């Protein structure tokens, strides 16, 4: 099997804990290269804990998980930055530096992930901002942007290192419906270019308008729409 055919995420017989509390157990799923998957479930059902485990913010104490070739079950702290260069992480609350311009926000991430050539950095910033439809805002401060524009900056930041997969935790949770649709369409465009997406969402209308495979956190398990039928209502 060639690398391109390997799943970008593979989780088997895993359990996730918060301190001594079992959040999710018997987790088994894969995400293929170029696949778009929704992650749904009620508040507190384990969606964020699952995402944090996949990007190595929460240790996996039981079972096996592999993300873009890294075994997160026993990943060393010094390896985590290398894992995160191959993935993109997008949060609901943006997590931008509000005392720095858009370009400075992106530059900070680039320097932290090994970029050194100023000319290449400037060109890449222009590329990712154009990619998300924000070609002329690099000098602006985050507070000068709308919520939708700020989220596009966050997506641009996540795309800096051409990730194999984007992990998005409620990326439209703070946005109004029209803006949310634009953000979802942007994720679709990114996905169509070959980047996998795992998106946690409470927006059931996304699944109706843009159907994809669904993982559902429910009663301590992760249900997979590619393996079993389950009710899509009652979680939002």
Protein backbone atom coordinates (compact mmCIF):
# COMPACT_ATOMS: atom_id res chain seq x y z
CA UNK A 1 0.00 0.00 0.00
CA UNK A 2 1.45 3.37 -0.98
CA UNK A 3 1.53 6.32 1.39
CA UNK A 4 -1.24 8.09 -0.53
CA UNK A 5 -3.60 5.19 0.15
CA UNK A 6 -2.93 5.14 3.89
CA UNK A 7 -5.66 6.72 6.03
CA UNK A 8 -4.66 10.09 7.48
CA UNK A 9 -6.35 9.05 10.74
CA UNK A 10 -6.65 5.56 12.13
CA UNK A 11 -8.14 4.90 15.59
CA UNK A 12 -8.57 1.40 16.99
CA UNK A 13 -9.95 0.14 20.29
CA UNK A 14 -9.26 3.49 21.93
CA UNK A 15 -10.72 4.98 25.09
CA UNK A 16 -10.50 8.64 26.07
CA UNK A 17 -10.39 9.85 29.66
CA UNK A 18 -10.67 13.18 31.43
CA UNK A 19 -8.83 12.52 34.68
CA UNK A 20 -10.53 9.34 35.99
CA UNK A 21 -13.72 9.76 33.98
CA UNK A 22 -14.18 7.71 30.80
CA UNK A 23 -15.43 10.08 28.09
CA UNK A 24 -15.46 7.68 25.10
CA UNK A 25 -14.60 4.00 24.76
CA UNK A 26 -14.18 1.34 22.06
CA UNK A 27 -13.44 3.96 19.40
CA UNK A 28 -12.71 2.53 15.94
CA UNK A 29 -12.63 4.57 12.74
CA UNK A 30 -10.40 5.75 9.93
CA UNK A 31 -10.39 8.91 7.83
CA UNK A 32 -9.00 8.61 4.33
CA UNK A 33 -6.94 11.09 2.38
CA UNK A 34 -9.28 13.72 0.92
CA UNK A 35 -12.29 12.68 3.00
CA UNK A 36 -14.70 15.11 4.70
CA UNK A 37 -16.24 13.87 7.95
CA UNK A 38 -18.62 15.59 10.37
CA UNK A 39 -18.31 15.01 14.12
CA UNK A 40 -21.59 15.53 15.95
CA UNK A 41 -23.04 14.96 19.40
CA UNK A 42 -24.58 16.80 22.30
CA UNK A 43 -22.53 19.27 24.33
CA UNK A 44 -20.35 17.24 26.68
CA UNK A 45 -20.54 14.07 24.58
CA UNK A 46 -16.78 13.99 23.91
CA UNK A 47 -16.31 15.75 20.55
CA UNK A 48 -13.67 18.19 21.74
CA UNK A 49 -11.91 15.50 23.79
CA UNK A 50 -11.68 13.32 20.68
CA UNK A 51 -10.25 16.16 18.60
CA UNK A 52 -7.76 17.10 21.33
CA UNK A 53 -6.61 13.48 21.46
CA UNK A 54 -6.06 13.41 17.70
CA UNK A 55 -3.87 16.52 17.74
CA UNK A 56 -2.03 15.34 20.87
CA UNK A 57 -3.36 17.92 23.32
CA UNK A 58 -4.93 15.16 25.44
CA UNK A 59 -2.95 11.95 26.04
CA UNK A 60 -4.37 8.69 24.74
CA UNK A 61 -3.99 6.28 27.63
CA UNK A 62 -5.77 3.25 26.16
CA UNK A 63 -5.85 1.96 22.59
CA UNK A 64 -4.14 3.10 19.41
CA UNK A 65 -4.40 6.20 17.23
CA UNK A 66 -2.29 7.21 14.27
CA UNK A 67 -2.53 10.67 12.69
CA UNK A 68 -0.62 11.57 9.49
CA UNK A 69 1.86 8.82 10.26
CA UNK A 70 2.43 9.71 13.92
CA UNK A 71 1.43 7.28 16.67
CA UNK A 72 -0.30 9.62 19.11
CA UNK A 73 -0.73 6.75 21.57
CA UNK A 74 2.88 7.15 22.69
CA UNK A 75 4.00 10.37 21.03
CA UNK A 76 6.86 12.19 22.73
CA UNK A 77 6.46 15.88 23.55
CA UNK A 78 9.34 16.77 21.22
CA UNK A 79 7.47 15.09 18.32
CA UNK A 80 4.23 17.03 18.81
CA UNK A 81 5.40 20.14 16.87
CA UNK A 82 6.25 17.90 13.89
CA UNK A 83 2.79 16.31 14.01
CA UNK A 84 1.19 19.73 14.07
CA UNK A 85 3.12 20.88 11.01
CA UNK A 86 1.19 18.22 9.06
CA UNK A 87 -2.25 19.10 10.41
CA UNK A 88 -4.34 22.25 10.77
CA UNK A 89 -6.36 23.10 13.89
CA UNK A 90 -9.28 25.53 13.80
CA UNK A 91 -11.07 26.70 16.94
CA UNK A 92 -14.47 28.29 17.52
CA UNK A 93 -13.04 31.29 19.36
CA UNK A 94 -10.35 32.13 16.76
CA UNK A 95 -7.38 32.38 19.21
CA UNK A 96 -5.73 35.20 17.27
CA UNK A 97 -3.27 37.68 18.76
CA UNK A 98 -5.29 40.89 18.89
CA UNK A 99 -2.24 43.11 19.36
CA UNK A 100 -0.72 41.94 16.06
CA UNK A 101 -1.73 42.39 12.44
CA UNK A 102 -3.05 39.53 10.33
CA UNK A 103 0.35 39.12 8.68
CA UNK A 104 2.06 39.10 12.09
CA UNK A 105 -0.36 36.44 13.32
CA UNK A 106 0.53 34.22 10.38
CA UNK A 107 4.24 35.01 10.65
CA UNK A 108 4.23 33.89 14.29
CA UNK A 109 2.97 30.44 13.28
CA UNK A 110 5.43 30.22 10.40
CA UNK A 111 8.42 31.01 12.61
CA UNK A 112 7.19 28.49 15.19
CA UNK A 113 7.05 25.79 12.52
CA UNK A 114 10.47 26.39 11.01
CA UNK A 115 10.03 29.02 8.28
CA UNK A 116 13.04 31.34 7.98
CA UNK A 117 13.14 33.01 4.54
CA UNK A 118 11.25 36.35 4.75
CA UNK A 119 10.47 36.42 1.01
CA UNK A 120 9.02 32.90 1.04
CA UNK A 121 7.02 33.73 4.16
CA UNK A 122 5.58 36.87 2.57
CA UNK A 123 4.61 34.94 -0.58
CA UNK A 124 3.00 32.13 1.41
CA UNK A 125 0.99 34.59 3.51
CA UNK A 126 -0.32 36.19 0.31
CA UNK A 127 -1.20 32.74 -1.09
CA UNK A 128 -3.17 31.53 1.93
CA UNK A 129 -5.03 34.82 2.35
CA UNK A 130 -6.04 34.73 -1.32
CA UNK A 131 -7.09 31.11 -0.82
CA UNK A 132 -9.60 32.12 1.86
CA UNK A 133 -10.85 35.17 -0.03
CA UNK A 134 -8.96 37.84 1.96
CA UNK A 135 -6.44 39.21 -0.46
CA UNK A 136 -5.98 42.72 0.94
CA UNK A 137 -6.17 42.52 4.73
CA UNK A 138 -2.69 41.44 5.80
CA UNK A 139 -1.93 44.79 7.46
CA UNK A 140 -5.23 44.99 9.35
CA UNK A 141 -5.65 44.17 13.02
CA UNK A 142 -8.07 41.38 13.97
CA UNK A 143 -10.47 43.82 15.69
CA UNK A 144 -10.90 45.58 12.35
CA UNK A 145 -12.34 42.41 10.82
CA UNK A 146 -15.78 40.83 11.06
CA UNK A 147 -16.22 37.49 12.81
CA UNK A 148 -16.38 35.70 9.47
CA UNK A 149 -13.20 37.39 8.29
CA UNK A 150 -11.43 36.49 11.52
CA UNK A 151 -12.41 32.84 11.05
CA UNK A 152 -11.06 32.97 7.49
CA UNK A 153 -7.76 34.23 8.91
CA UNK A 154 -7.76 31.27 11.30
CA UNK A 155 -8.34 28.91 8.36
CA UNK A 156 -5.52 30.61 6.44
CA UNK A 157 -3.27 30.12 9.46
CA UNK A 158 -4.19 26.44 9.56
CA UNK A 159 -3.36 26.08 5.85
CA UNK A 160 0.14 27.63 6.11
CA UNK A 161 1.98 24.30 6.06
CA UNK A 162 -0.31 22.55 3.54
CA UNK A 163 -1.78 20.14 6.11
CA UNK A 164 -2.98 16.67 5.25
CA UNK A 165 -6.04 17.15 7.48
CA UNK A 166 -7.89 20.01 9.16
CA UNK A 167 -9.38 19.45 12.61
CA UNK A 168 -12.13 22.03 13.11
CA UNK A 169 -13.89 22.37 16.48
CA UNK A 170 -17.21 24.18 15.99
CA UNK A 171 -15.66 26.62 13.47
CA UNK A 172 -18.98 28.41 12.83
CA UNK A 173 -20.29 28.34 16.40
CA UNK A 174 -19.93 32.12 16.86
CA UNK A 175 -21.05 33.15 13.38
CA UNK A 176 -24.44 34.00 11.91
CA UNK A 177 -26.05 31.57 9.40
CA UNK A 178 -25.11 33.39 6.17
CA UNK A 179 -21.48 33.76 7.25
CA UNK A 180 -21.45 30.14 8.45
CA UNK A 181 -22.50 28.90 5.02
CA UNK A 182 -19.61 30.80 3.44
CA UNK A 183 -17.14 29.23 5.89
CA UNK A 184 -18.53 25.74 5.20
CA UNK A 185 -18.19 26.31 1.45
CA UNK A 186 -14.58 27.32 2.03
CA UNK A 187 -13.97 24.05 3.87
CA UNK A 188 -15.57 22.24 0.93
CA UNK A 189 -13.20 23.97 -1.51
CA UNK A 190 -10.18 23.09 0.63
CA UNK A 191 -11.40 19.51 0.87
CA UNK A 192 -11.95 19.29 -2.89
CA UNK A 193 -8.29 20.20 -3.38
CA UNK A 194 -7.26 17.08 -1.43
CA UNK A 195 -7.10 18.09 2.25
CA UNK A 196 -9.07 15.87 4.63
CA UNK A 197 -11.46 17.58 7.06
CA UNK A 198 -12.86 16.45 10.42
CA UNK A 199 -15.34 19.08 11.56
CA UNK A 200 -17.19 19.10 14.87
CA UNK A 201 -20.47 20.97 14.46
CA UNK A 202 -23.86 21.60 16.04
CA UNK A 203 -25.27 22.85 12.73
CA UNK A 204 -27.60 20.14 11.41
CA UNK A 205 -28.33 22.24 8.31
CA UNK A 206 -24.75 21.69 7.12
CA UNK A 207 -25.33 17.95 6.98
CA UNK A 208 -28.54 18.46 5.02
CA UNK A 209 -27.02 20.94 2.53
CA UNK A 210 -23.52 19.44 2.29
CA UNK A 211 -23.87 15.73 3.13
CA UNK A 212 -20.78 13.78 4.16
CA UNK A 213 -19.98 10.84 6.39
CA UNK A 214 -20.86 11.41 10.05
CA UNK A 215 -19.25 10.34 13.33
CA UNK A 216 -21.59 10.76 16.31
CA UNK A 217 -20.50 10.84 19.95
CA UNK A 218 -23.33 9.30 21.94
CA UNK A 219 -23.50 7.56 25.32
CA UNK A 220 -19.75 7.10 25.50
CA UNK A 221 -19.33 5.66 22.02
CA UNK A 222 -18.44 6.97 18.57
CA UNK A 223 -20.98 5.84 15.98
CA UNK A 224 -19.96 5.82 12.31
CA UNK A 225 -22.54 6.42 9.56
CA UNK A 226 -20.45 4.33 7.15
CA UNK A 227 -20.94 1.28 9.41
CA UNK A 228 -24.35 1.72 11.04
CA UNK A 229 -27.54 3.73 10.82
CA UNK A 230 -28.35 6.13 13.60
CA UNK A 231 -30.63 9.07 14.29
CA UNK A 232 -29.19 12.39 13.15
CA UNK A 233 -31.67 14.48 15.14
CA UNK A 234 -31.58 15.38 18.80
CA UNK A 235 -27.92 16.41 19.13
CA UNK A 236 -28.02 20.09 18.27
